[in-house]
């Protein structure tokens, strides 16, 4: 039925339970997992933390900007690497093939849909914690946006953690 399941992950918190369930689904179907981690551009308050620290030793605004950009890229790579390592380990422990994809600078929805198309996935298995907060209620969650914009089936998993 499904042979290549896209599994978005950030590797944090309750998301690990969703990753586990996605891997188990792939195992039961004999499918491959394409694990994707999409990192957005850093929010302003994070950039300011980096900027303030760099400003103390920098000689010019251009030097500060280069330092901030490099540090942000390093943080993106580290986050994606950690998140994808969790998915890869779960796949290995369950005998599921795993391809890792890291995308940065895109919105999570954009990145997930791009990866699904480019990697020819036939199902997106996305987890949600079911508590969208004010911003999610007003603007929609990643899961709801993926669900409404995807051309392929989307399975939404409520990942509240182990019972």
C-alpha atoms as a PDB file:
ATOM      1  CA  UNK A   1       0.000   0.000   0.000  1.00  0.00           C
ATOM      2  CA  UNK A   2       2.467   2.672   1.197  1.00  0.00           C
ATOM      3  CA  UNK A   3       6.152   2.226   0.392  1.00  0.00           C
ATOM      4  CA  UNK A   4       7.783   5.541   1.347  1.00  0.00           C
ATOM      5  CA  UNK A   5       6.468   7.330   4.434  1.00  0.00           C
ATOM      6  CA  UNK A   6       7.562  10.906   5.105  1.00  0.00           C
ATOM      7  CA  UNK A   7       8.134  11.373   8.814  1.00  0.00           C
ATOM      8  CA  UNK A   8       8.630  15.020   9.871  1.00  0.00           C
ATOM      9  CA  UNK A   9      10.486  15.346  13.156  1.00  0.00           C
ATOM     10  CA  UNK A  10      12.137  17.910  15.362  1.00  0.00           C
ATOM     11  CA  UNK A  11      13.408  15.204  17.722  1.00  0.00           C
ATOM     12  CA  UNK A  12      12.117  17.005  20.785  1.00  0.00           C
ATOM     13  CA  UNK A  13       9.617  16.276  23.519  1.00  0.00           C
ATOM     14  CA  UNK A  14       6.485  14.353  22.622  1.00  0.00           C
ATOM     15  CA  UNK A  15       7.551  14.303  18.985  1.00  0.00           C
ATOM     16  CA  UNK A  16       9.743  11.283  19.767  1.00  0.00           C
ATOM     17  CA  UNK A  17       6.591   9.246  20.459  1.00  0.00           C
ATOM     18  CA  UNK A  18       5.160  10.261  17.109  1.00  0.00           C
ATOM     19  CA  UNK A  19       8.408   9.295  15.417  1.00  0.00           C
ATOM     20  CA  UNK A  20       8.254   5.898  17.116  1.00  0.00           C
ATOM     21  CA  UNK A  21       4.693   5.304  15.915  1.00  0.00           C
ATOM     22  CA  UNK A  22       5.602   6.374  12.375  1.00  0.00           C
ATOM     23  CA  UNK A  23       8.523   3.936  12.360  1.00  0.00           C
ATOM     24  CA  UNK A  24       6.317   1.120  13.660  1.00  0.00           C
ATOM     25  CA  UNK A  25       3.745   1.844  10.948  1.00  0.00           C
ATOM     26  CA  UNK A  26       6.497   1.682   8.311  1.00  0.00           C
ATOM     27  CA  UNK A  27       7.754  -1.597   9.785  1.00  0.00           C
ATOM     28  CA  UNK A  28       4.280  -3.156   9.673  1.00  0.00           C
ATOM     29  CA  UNK A  29       3.788  -2.013   6.066  1.00  0.00           C
ATOM     30  CA  UNK A  30       7.309  -2.954   4.957  1.00  0.00           C
ATOM     31  CA  UNK A  31       7.838   0.680   3.961  1.00  0.00           C
ATOM     32  CA  UNK A  32      10.863   2.956   3.954  1.00  0.00           C
ATOM     33  CA  UNK A  33      10.937   6.068   6.161  1.00  0.00           C
ATOM     34  CA  UNK A  34      12.044   9.411   4.818  1.00  0.00           C
ATOM     35  CA  UNK A  35      12.756  11.390   7.976  1.00  0.00           C
ATOM     36  CA  UNK A  36      12.747  15.156   7.485  1.00  0.00           C
ATOM     37  CA  UNK A  37      13.709  17.971   9.813  1.00  0.00           C
ATOM     38  CA  UNK A  38      12.851  21.480   8.676  1.00  0.00           C
ATOM     39  CA  UNK A  39      14.460  24.359  10.537  1.00  0.00           C
ATOM     40  CA  UNK A  40      13.083  27.842  10.064  1.00  0.00           C
ATOM     41  CA  UNK A  41      15.076  31.014  10.205  1.00  0.00           C
ATOM     42  CA  UNK A  42      15.760  31.931  13.808  1.00  0.00           C
ATOM     43  CA  UNK A  43      13.269  34.258  15.496  1.00  0.00           C
ATOM     44  CA  UNK A  44      14.421  37.792  16.297  1.00  0.00           C
ATOM     45  CA  UNK A  45      14.908  37.136  20.030  1.00  0.00           C
ATOM     46  CA  UNK A  46      17.289  34.237  19.233  1.00  0.00           C
ATOM     47  CA  UNK A  47      19.231  36.333  16.749  1.00  0.00           C
ATOM     48  CA  UNK A  48      19.554  39.094  19.349  1.00  0.00           C
ATOM     49  CA  UNK A  49      21.113  36.638  21.836  1.00  0.00           C
ATOM     50  CA  UNK A  50      23.706  35.665  19.259  1.00  0.00           C
ATOM     51  CA  UNK A  51      24.189  39.264  18.097  1.00  0.00           C
ATOM     52  CA  UNK A  52      24.748  40.643  21.599  1.00  0.00           C
ATOM     53  CA  UNK A  53      27.432  38.054  22.371  1.00  0.00           C
ATOM     54  CA  UNK A  54      29.191  38.616  19.025  1.00  0.00           C
ATOM     55  CA  UNK A  55      28.985  42.388  19.302  1.00  0.00           C
ATOM     56  CA  UNK A  56      31.398  42.422  22.250  1.00  0.00           C
ATOM     57  CA  UNK A  57      34.283  41.043  20.172  1.00  0.00           C
ATOM     58  CA  UNK A  58      33.367  42.173  16.650  1.00  0.00           C
ATOM     59  CA  UNK A  59      35.019  45.069  14.871  1.00  0.00           C
ATOM     60  CA  UNK A  60      32.262  45.970  12.416  1.00  0.00           C
ATOM     61  CA  UNK A  61      28.582  45.435  11.679  1.00  0.00           C
ATOM     62  CA  UNK A  62      29.542  43.273   8.680  1.00  0.00           C
ATOM     63  CA  UNK A  63      31.665  41.055  10.927  1.00  0.00           C
ATOM     64  CA  UNK A  64      28.779  40.755  13.392  1.00  0.00           C
ATOM     65  CA  UNK A  65      26.368  39.852  10.579  1.00  0.00           C
ATOM     66  CA  UNK A  66      28.723  37.153   9.247  1.00  0.00           C
ATOM     67  CA  UNK A  67      29.163  35.733  12.740  1.00  0.00           C
ATOM     68  CA  UNK A  68      25.437  35.674  13.408  1.00  0.00           C
ATOM     69  CA  UNK A  69      24.708  34.003  10.073  1.00  0.00           C
ATOM     70  CA  UNK A  70      27.381  31.348  10.639  1.00  0.00           C
ATOM     71  CA  UNK A  71      26.159  30.652  14.179  1.00  0.00           C
ATOM     72  CA  UNK A  72      22.543  30.353  12.980  1.00  0.00           C
ATOM     73  CA  UNK A  73      23.596  27.885  10.261  1.00  0.00           C
ATOM     74  CA  UNK A  74      25.513  25.854  12.827  1.00  0.00           C
ATOM     75  CA  UNK A  75      22.476  25.762  15.149  1.00  0.00           C
ATOM     76  CA  UNK A  76      20.242  24.614  12.266  1.00  0.00           C
ATOM     77  CA  UNK A  77      22.656  21.806  11.380  1.00  0.00           C
ATOM     78  CA  UNK A  78      22.943  20.705  15.003  1.00  0.00           C
ATOM     79  CA  UNK A  79      19.168  20.668  15.565  1.00  0.00           C
ATOM     80  CA  UNK A  80      18.512  18.764  12.344  1.00  0.00           C
ATOM     81  CA  UNK A  81      21.337  16.318  12.997  1.00  0.00           C
ATOM     82  CA  UNK A  82      20.051  15.515  16.480  1.00  0.00           C
ATOM     83  CA  UNK A  83      16.437  15.141  15.355  1.00  0.00           C
ATOM     84  CA  UNK A  84      17.301  12.922  12.405  1.00  0.00           C
ATOM     85  CA  UNK A  85      19.623  10.786  14.536  1.00  0.00           C
ATOM     86  CA  UNK A  86      16.657   9.916  16.783  1.00  0.00           C
ATOM     87  CA  UNK A  87      14.572   8.816  13.789  1.00  0.00           C
ATOM     88  CA  UNK A  88      17.499   6.928  12.240  1.00  0.00           C
ATOM     89  CA  UNK A  89      18.141   5.054  15.486  1.00  0.00           C
ATOM     90  CA  UNK A  90      14.484   4.068  15.838  1.00  0.00           C
ATOM     91  CA  UNK A  91      14.448   2.851  12.241  1.00  0.00           C
ATOM     92  CA  UNK A  92      17.638   0.822  12.730  1.00  0.00           C
ATOM     93  CA  UNK A  93      16.262  -0.782  15.907  1.00  0.00           C
ATOM     94  CA  UNK A  94      13.155  -1.873  13.964  1.00  0.00           C
ATOM     95  CA  UNK A  95      14.797  -2.935  10.711  1.00  0.00           C
ATOM     96  CA  UNK A  96      13.264  -0.075   8.711  1.00  0.00           C
ATOM     97  CA  UNK A  97      15.188   1.643   5.924  1.00  0.00           C
ATOM     98  CA  UNK A  98      15.669   5.337   6.614  1.00  0.00           C
ATOM     99  CA  UNK A  99      16.640   8.269   4.437  1.00  0.00           C
ATOM    100  CA  UNK A 100      17.411  11.527   6.234  1.00  0.00           C
ATOM    101  CA  UNK A 101      16.591  14.968   4.841  1.00  0.00           C
ATOM    102  CA  UNK A 102      17.479  18.286   6.481  1.00  0.00           C
ATOM    103  CA  UNK A 103      16.047  21.525   5.114  1.00  0.00           C
ATOM    104  CA  UNK A 104      16.640  24.993   6.517  1.00  0.00           C
ATOM    105  CA  UNK A 105      15.214  28.450   5.992  1.00  0.00           C
ATOM    106  CA  UNK A 106      11.780  27.210   4.972  1.00  0.00           C
ATOM    107  CA  UNK A 107       8.539  27.160   6.904  1.00  0.00           C
ATOM    108  CA  UNK A 108       7.901  23.676   8.321  1.00  0.00           C
ATOM    109  CA  UNK A 109       4.855  23.247   6.071  1.00  0.00           C
ATOM    110  CA  UNK A 110       6.765  24.278   2.928  1.00  0.00           C
ATOM    111  CA  UNK A 111       9.693  22.039   3.788  1.00  0.00           C
ATOM    112  CA  UNK A 112       7.550  18.998   4.571  1.00  0.00           C
ATOM    113  CA  UNK A 113       5.592  19.287   1.316  1.00  0.00           C
ATOM    114  CA  UNK A 114       8.780  19.904  -0.690  1.00  0.00           C
ATOM    115  CA  UNK A 115      10.510  16.856   0.796  1.00  0.00           C
ATOM    116  CA  UNK A 116       7.440  14.673   0.208  1.00  0.00           C
ATOM    117  CA  UNK A 117       7.364  15.651  -3.456  1.00  0.00           C
ATOM    118  CA  UNK A 118      11.113  15.428  -4.097  1.00  0.00           C
ATOM    119  CA  UNK A 119      11.489  12.079  -2.332  1.00  0.00           C
ATOM    120  CA  UNK A 120       8.335  10.669  -3.950  1.00  0.00           C
ATOM    121  CA  UNK A 121       6.677   9.814  -0.653  1.00  0.00           C
ATOM    122  CA  UNK A 122       3.215   8.275  -0.766  1.00  0.00           C
ATOM    123  CA  UNK A 123       2.152   9.090   2.810  1.00  0.00           C
ATOM    124  CA  UNK A 124       2.958  11.853   5.289  1.00  0.00           C
ATOM    125  CA  UNK A 125       2.829  10.700   8.923  1.00  0.00           C
ATOM    126  CA  UNK A 126       2.706  13.857  11.032  1.00  0.00           C
ATOM    127  CA  UNK A 127       2.341  14.156  14.776  1.00  0.00           C
ATOM    128  CA  UNK A 128       0.521  16.817  16.721  1.00  0.00           C
ATOM    129  CA  UNK A 129       0.192  17.356  20.448  1.00  0.00           C
ATOM    130  CA  UNK A 130      -3.367  18.626  20.046  1.00  0.00           C
ATOM    131  CA  UNK A 131      -2.830  21.886  21.926  1.00  0.00           C
ATOM    132  CA  UNK A 132      -2.368  24.574  19.286  1.00  0.00           C
ATOM    133  CA  UNK A 133      -2.149  27.542  21.630  1.00  0.00           C
ATOM    134  CA  UNK A 134      -3.271  30.990  20.549  1.00  0.00           C
ATOM    135  CA  UNK A 135      -1.072  31.233  17.430  1.00  0.00           C
ATOM    136  CA  UNK A 136      -2.073  27.767  16.221  1.00  0.00           C
ATOM    137  CA  UNK A 137      -5.730  28.567  16.795  1.00  0.00           C
ATOM    138  CA  UNK A 138      -5.472  31.835  14.868  1.00  0.00           C
ATOM    139  CA  UNK A 139      -3.176  30.785  12.036  1.00  0.00           C
ATOM    140  CA  UNK A 140      -3.335  26.980  11.963  1.00  0.00           C
ATOM    141  CA  UNK A 141      -0.846  24.380  13.100  1.00  0.00           C
ATOM    142  CA  UNK A 142       1.803  22.759  10.936  1.00  0.00           C
ATOM    143  CA  UNK A 143      -0.260  19.554  10.908  1.00  0.00           C
ATOM    144  CA  UNK A 144      -3.430  21.365   9.786  1.00  0.00           C
ATOM    145  CA  UNK A 145      -1.536  23.253   7.063  1.00  0.00           C
ATOM    146  CA  UNK A 146       0.134  20.090   5.757  1.00  0.00           C
ATOM    147  CA  UNK A 147      -3.223  18.309   5.804  1.00  0.00           C
ATOM    148  CA  UNK A 148      -4.924  21.058   3.817  1.00  0.00           C
ATOM    149  CA  UNK A 149      -2.128  21.581   1.243  1.00  0.00           C
ATOM    150  CA  UNK A 150      -0.860  18.054   0.590  1.00  0.00           C
ATOM    151  CA  UNK A 151      -1.462  16.204  -2.683  1.00  0.00           C
ATOM    152  CA  UNK A 152      -0.782  12.850  -1.002  1.00  0.00           C
ATOM    153  CA  UNK A 153      -2.479  11.154   1.973  1.00  0.00           C
ATOM    154  CA  UNK A 154      -1.659  12.552   5.419  1.00  0.00           C
ATOM    155  CA  UNK A 155      -2.019  10.564   8.617  1.00  0.00           C
ATOM    156  CA  UNK A 156      -2.235  12.841  11.657  1.00  0.00           C
ATOM    157  CA  UNK A 157      -1.107  11.197  14.887  1.00  0.00           C
ATOM    158  CA  UNK A 158      -1.910  12.611  18.327  1.00  0.00           C
ATOM    159  CA  UNK A 159       1.330  12.170  20.265  1.00  0.00           C
ATOM    160  CA  UNK A 160       0.533  12.819  23.864  1.00  0.00           C
ATOM    161  CA  UNK A 161       3.262  10.470  25.051  1.00  0.00           C
ATOM    162  CA  UNK A 162       3.194   6.927  26.416  1.00  0.00           C
ATOM    163  CA  UNK A 163       0.126   5.682  28.262  1.00  0.00           C
END
